[in-house]
Amino acid sequence: MLHLWPWVVQDMASLGAKILFPKFCMSRTYFHVSTRQLQLVLLKVALLVGVELHTATDFKAIVPPQLSPVSGISPYTIKVKPKISELEFTAVLGASGTNNALAEPVGIERFVFCQKESLGVVCYCGVGKRRRRRRRCRRRCRFLD
């Protein structure tokens, strides 16, 4: 069972969580939701907006941008096993708890925000032309234990 902050419940409702799952956070004072229910709502929303989902894959590495003679800087890509055609992304979700392998390759330090366990963190790092933007993003996007 997860406890959600009020602003998270509002965001989920605006994504259509109450339409996709009518019993989503029915109480006005206690915002509790099961992990399965939250995952299903997020999966449905992701599929509705066209997210490409790859199951039975293992994350191997994040490949940093490389200089391209044609278009300048290429985007970040990821390597997975079994191999899928090259993936470009603007966000990666790591929900593997303390075994998360996404933080280290992009230089994000792990720290303990609170003593309770977290399931995952979403980190958005847009491909920018300036290093300063990426550094700022790395400071903001921290992985929690």
C-alpha atoms as a PDB file:
ATOM      1  CA  MET A   1       0.000   0.000   0.000  1.00  0.00           C
ATOM      2  CA  LEU A   2       1.334   3.432  -0.948  1.00  0.00           C
ATOM      3  CA  HIS A   3       0.460   6.811   0.507  1.00  0.00           C
ATOM      4  CA  LEU A   4       0.308   9.554  -2.142  1.00  0.00           C
ATOM      5  CA  TRP A   5       0.758  13.275  -1.624  1.00  0.00           C
ATOM      6  CA  PRO A   6      -2.359  15.335  -2.470  1.00  0.00           C
ATOM      7  CA  TRP A   7      -0.678  16.922  -5.501  1.00  0.00           C
ATOM      8  CA  VAL A   8       0.165  13.446  -6.876  1.00  0.00           C
ATOM      9  CA  VAL A   9      -3.501  12.434  -6.546  1.00  0.00           C
ATOM     10  CA  GLN A  10      -4.510  15.616  -8.422  1.00  0.00           C
ATOM     11  CA  ASP A  11      -1.990  14.864 -11.182  1.00  0.00           C
ATOM     12  CA  MET A  12      -3.186  11.266 -11.444  1.00  0.00           C
ATOM     13  CA  ALA A  13      -6.822  12.410 -11.588  1.00  0.00           C
ATOM     14  CA  SER A  14      -5.974  14.869 -14.370  1.00  0.00           C
ATOM     15  CA  LEU A  15      -4.340  11.981 -16.267  1.00  0.00           C
ATOM     16  CA  GLY A  16      -7.652  10.134 -16.070  1.00  0.00           C
ATOM     17  CA  ALA A  17      -6.966   7.756 -13.181  1.00  0.00           C
ATOM     18  CA  LYS A  18     -10.531   8.071 -11.866  1.00  0.00           C
ATOM     19  CA  ILE A  19     -11.934   7.206 -15.301  1.00  0.00           C
ATOM     20  CA  LEU A  20      -9.589   4.247 -15.810  1.00  0.00           C
ATOM     21  CA  PHE A  21     -10.053   2.994 -12.248  1.00  0.00           C
ATOM     22  CA  PRO A  22     -13.158   4.488 -10.560  1.00  0.00           C
ATOM     23  CA  LYS A  23     -12.096   3.409  -7.051  1.00  0.00           C
ATOM     24  CA  PHE A  24      -8.800   5.313  -7.310  1.00  0.00           C
ATOM     25  CA  CYS A  25      -8.238   7.258  -4.032  1.00  0.00           C
ATOM     26  CA  MET A  26     -11.923   7.512  -3.112  1.00  0.00           C
ATOM     27  CA  SER A  27     -11.244   9.015   0.330  1.00  0.00           C
ATOM     28  CA  ARG A  28     -10.706  12.780   0.522  1.00  0.00           C
ATOM     29  CA  THR A  29      -8.380  12.523   3.527  1.00  0.00           C
ATOM     30  CA  TYR A  30      -6.353   9.326   3.067  1.00  0.00           C
ATOM     31  CA  PHE A  31      -4.669   8.944  -0.297  1.00  0.00           C
ATOM     32  CA  HIS A  32      -3.746   5.282  -0.273  1.00  0.00           C
ATOM     33  CA  VAL A  33      -3.390   3.110  -3.350  1.00  0.00           C
ATOM     34  CA  SER A  34      -2.039  -0.385  -3.925  1.00  0.00           C
ATOM     35  CA  THR A  35       1.155  -0.733  -5.915  1.00  0.00           C
ATOM     36  CA  ARG A  36      -0.625  -2.917  -8.474  1.00  0.00           C
ATOM     37  CA  GLN A  37      -3.450  -0.401  -8.918  1.00  0.00           C
ATOM     38  CA  LEU A  38      -1.000   2.469  -9.419  1.00  0.00           C
ATOM     39  CA  GLN A  39       1.062   0.448 -11.907  1.00  0.00           C
ATOM     40  CA  LEU A  40      -2.033  -0.505 -13.914  1.00  0.00           C
ATOM     41  CA  VAL A  41      -3.305   3.084 -14.086  1.00  0.00           C
ATOM     42  CA  LEU A  42       0.116   4.367 -15.190  1.00  0.00           C
ATOM     43  CA  LEU A  43       0.449   1.556 -17.748  1.00  0.00           C
ATOM     44  CA  LYS A  44      -2.978   2.342 -19.235  1.00  0.00           C
ATOM     45  CA  VAL A  45      -2.171   6.059 -19.473  1.00  0.00           C
ATOM     46  CA  ALA A  46       1.228   5.312 -21.025  1.00  0.00           C
ATOM     47  CA  LEU A  47      -0.290   3.028 -23.653  1.00  0.00           C
ATOM     48  CA  LEU A  48      -3.006   5.586 -24.458  1.00  0.00           C
ATOM     49  CA  VAL A  49      -0.417   8.298 -25.158  1.00  0.00           C
ATOM     50  CA  GLY A  50       1.663   6.000 -27.370  1.00  0.00           C
ATOM     51  CA  VAL A  51       4.507   4.870 -25.124  1.00  0.00           C
ATOM     52  CA  GLU A  52       6.401   1.947 -26.604  1.00  0.00           C
ATOM     53  CA  LEU A  53       6.689  -0.846 -24.038  1.00  0.00           C
ATOM     54  CA  HIS A  54       9.364  -3.549 -24.157  1.00  0.00           C
ATOM     55  CA  THR A  55       8.933  -6.457 -21.754  1.00  0.00           C
ATOM     56  CA  ALA A  56      11.444  -9.171 -20.843  1.00  0.00           C
ATOM     57  CA  THR A  57      14.419  -6.870 -21.407  1.00  0.00           C
ATOM     58  CA  ASP A  58      17.409  -6.150 -19.177  1.00  0.00           C
ATOM     59  CA  PHE A  59      18.941  -2.686 -18.969  1.00  0.00           C
ATOM     60  CA  LYS A  60      22.692  -2.792 -19.734  1.00  0.00           C
ATOM     61  CA  ALA A  61      23.966   0.772 -20.242  1.00  0.00           C
ATOM     62  CA  ILE A  62      23.215   4.378 -21.088  1.00  0.00           C
ATOM     63  CA  VAL A  63      25.223   5.575 -24.078  1.00  0.00           C
ATOM     64  CA  PRO A  64      26.047   9.302 -23.825  1.00  0.00           C
ATOM     65  CA  PRO A  65      25.518  11.626 -26.790  1.00  0.00           C
ATOM     66  CA  GLN A  66      28.179  11.539 -29.460  1.00  0.00           C
ATOM     67  CA  LEU A  67      29.152  14.202 -31.968  1.00  0.00           C
ATOM     68  CA  SER A  68      27.446  13.591 -35.279  1.00  0.00           C
ATOM     69  CA  PRO A  69      28.854  15.256 -38.421  1.00  0.00           C
ATOM     70  CA  VAL A  70      25.343  15.713 -39.821  1.00  0.00           C
ATOM     71  CA  SER A  71      23.196  16.978 -36.948  1.00  0.00           C
ATOM     72  CA  GLY A  72      25.660  17.929 -34.224  1.00  0.00           C
ATOM     73  CA  ILE A  73      24.986  16.085 -30.962  1.00  0.00           C
ATOM     74  CA  SER A  74      23.086  12.812 -31.033  1.00  0.00           C
ATOM     75  CA  PRO A  75      20.610  11.982 -28.234  1.00  0.00           C
ATOM     76  CA  TYR A  76      21.265   9.637 -25.319  1.00  0.00           C
ATOM     77  CA  THR A  77      20.569   6.001 -26.189  1.00  0.00           C
ATOM     78  CA  ILE A  78      20.301   2.864 -24.073  1.00  0.00           C
ATOM     79  CA  LYS A  79      21.510  -0.698 -24.533  1.00  0.00           C
ATOM     80  CA  VAL A  80      19.265  -3.555 -23.479  1.00  0.00           C
ATOM     81  CA  LYS A  81      19.365  -7.329 -23.715  1.00  0.00           C
ATOM     82  CA  PRO A  82      17.969  -8.885 -25.858  1.00  0.00           C
ATOM     83  CA  LYS A  83      18.960  -6.243 -28.366  1.00  0.00           C
ATOM     84  CA  ILE A  84      16.239  -3.957 -29.663  1.00  0.00           C
ATOM     85  CA  SER A  85      16.783  -1.504 -32.484  1.00  0.00           C
ATOM     86  CA  GLU A  86      18.512   1.619 -31.178  1.00  0.00           C
ATOM     87  CA  LEU A  87      16.368   3.388 -28.612  1.00  0.00           C
ATOM     88  CA  GLU A  88      16.317   7.156 -28.204  1.00  0.00           C
ATOM     89  CA  PHE A  89      14.637   8.536 -25.115  1.00  0.00           C
ATOM     90  CA  THR A  90      13.812  11.664 -23.176  1.00  0.00           C
ATOM     91  CA  ALA A  91      13.027   9.876 -19.910  1.00  0.00           C
ATOM     92  CA  VAL A  92      13.856   6.526 -18.338  1.00  0.00           C
ATOM     93  CA  LEU A  93      12.013   5.008 -15.401  1.00  0.00           C
ATOM     94  CA  GLY A  94      14.020   2.896 -12.984  1.00  0.00           C
ATOM     95  CA  ALA A  95      11.833   1.037 -10.521  1.00  0.00           C
ATOM     96  CA  SER A  96      14.189  -1.616  -9.240  1.00  0.00           C
ATOM     97  CA  GLY A  97      14.771  -0.153  -5.771  1.00  0.00           C
ATOM     98  CA  THR A  98      18.281  -0.258  -4.337  1.00  0.00           C
ATOM     99  CA  ASN A  99      19.514  -2.360  -7.262  1.00  0.00           C
ATOM    100  CA  ASN A 100      18.828   0.485  -9.695  1.00  0.00           C
ATOM    101  CA  ALA A 101      21.495   0.644 -12.402  1.00  0.00           C
ATOM    102  CA  LEU A 102      20.459   3.972 -13.952  1.00  0.00           C
ATOM    103  CA  ALA A 103      22.063   6.418 -11.514  1.00  0.00           C
ATOM    104  CA  GLU A 104      25.754   5.663 -11.855  1.00  0.00           C
ATOM    105  CA  PRO A 105      26.155   5.895 -15.677  1.00  0.00           C
ATOM    106  CA  VAL A 106      24.766   9.449 -15.745  1.00  0.00           C
ATOM    107  CA  GLY A 107      26.636  10.619 -12.646  1.00  0.00           C
ATOM    108  CA  ILE A 108      23.716  10.843 -10.224  1.00  0.00           C
ATOM    109  CA  GLU A 109      24.652  10.343  -6.578  1.00  0.00           C
ATOM    110  CA  ARG A 110      22.391   8.240  -4.410  1.00  0.00           C
ATOM    111  CA  PHE A 111      21.300   9.587  -1.070  1.00  0.00           C
ATOM    112  CA  VAL A 112      18.808   8.705   1.616  1.00  0.00           C
ATOM    113  CA  PHE A 113      15.881  11.126   1.603  1.00  0.00           C
ATOM    114  CA  CYS A 114      13.948   9.281   4.262  1.00  0.00           C
ATOM    115  CA  GLN A 115      14.300   5.964   6.012  1.00  0.00           C
ATOM    116  CA  LYS A 116      11.270   4.430   4.306  1.00  0.00           C
ATOM    117  CA  GLU A 117      11.788   2.449   1.140  1.00  0.00           C
ATOM    118  CA  SER A 118      10.983   4.008  -2.230  1.00  0.00           C
ATOM    119  CA  LEU A 119       9.998   2.015  -5.289  1.00  0.00           C
ATOM    120  CA  GLY A 120      11.488   4.206  -7.987  1.00  0.00           C
ATOM    121  CA  VAL A 121      12.221   7.658  -9.329  1.00  0.00           C
ATOM    122  CA  VAL A 122      11.617   9.202 -12.735  1.00  0.00           C
ATOM    123  CA  CYS A 123      14.457  11.380 -13.970  1.00  0.00           C
ATOM    124  CA  TYR A 124      13.926  13.630 -17.008  1.00  0.00           C
ATOM    125  CA  CYS A 125      17.105  14.896 -18.651  1.00  0.00           C
ATOM    126  CA  GLY A 126      16.375  16.675 -21.905  1.00  0.00           C
ATOM    127  CA  VAL A 127      19.098  16.638 -24.522  1.00  0.00           C
ATOM    128  CA  GLY A 128      20.458  20.150 -24.368  1.00  0.00           C
ATOM    129  CA  LYS A 129      23.289  21.916 -26.119  1.00  0.00           C
ATOM    130  CA  ARG A 130      24.607  23.275 -22.843  1.00  0.00           C
ATOM    131  CA  ARG A 131      26.435  21.308 -20.199  1.00  0.00           C
ATOM    132  CA  ARG A 132      25.033  23.623 -17.544  1.00  0.00           C
ATOM    133  CA  ARG A 133      21.499  22.375 -18.221  1.00  0.00           C
ATOM    134  CA  ARG A 134      22.609  18.757 -17.846  1.00  0.00           C
ATOM    135  CA  ARG A 135      24.471  19.516 -14.606  1.00  0.00           C
ATOM    136  CA  ARG A 136      21.385  21.264 -13.229  1.00  0.00           C
ATOM    137  CA  CYS A 137      19.265  18.248 -14.179  1.00  0.00           C
ATOM    138  CA  ARG A 138      21.701  15.868 -12.489  1.00  0.00           C
ATOM    139  CA  ARG A 139      21.541  17.902  -9.293  1.00  0.00           C
ATOM    140  CA  ARG A 140      17.726  17.802  -9.296  1.00  0.00           C
ATOM    141  CA  CYS A 141      17.271  14.158 -10.283  1.00  0.00           C
ATOM    142  CA  ARG A 142      18.490  12.093  -7.351  1.00  0.00           C
ATOM    143  CA  PHE A 143      17.778   8.440  -6.741  1.00  0.00           C
ATOM    144  CA  LEU A 144      16.252   7.596  -3.379  1.00  0.00           C
ATOM    145  CA  ASP A 145      16.804   4.514  -1.249  1.00  0.00           C
END
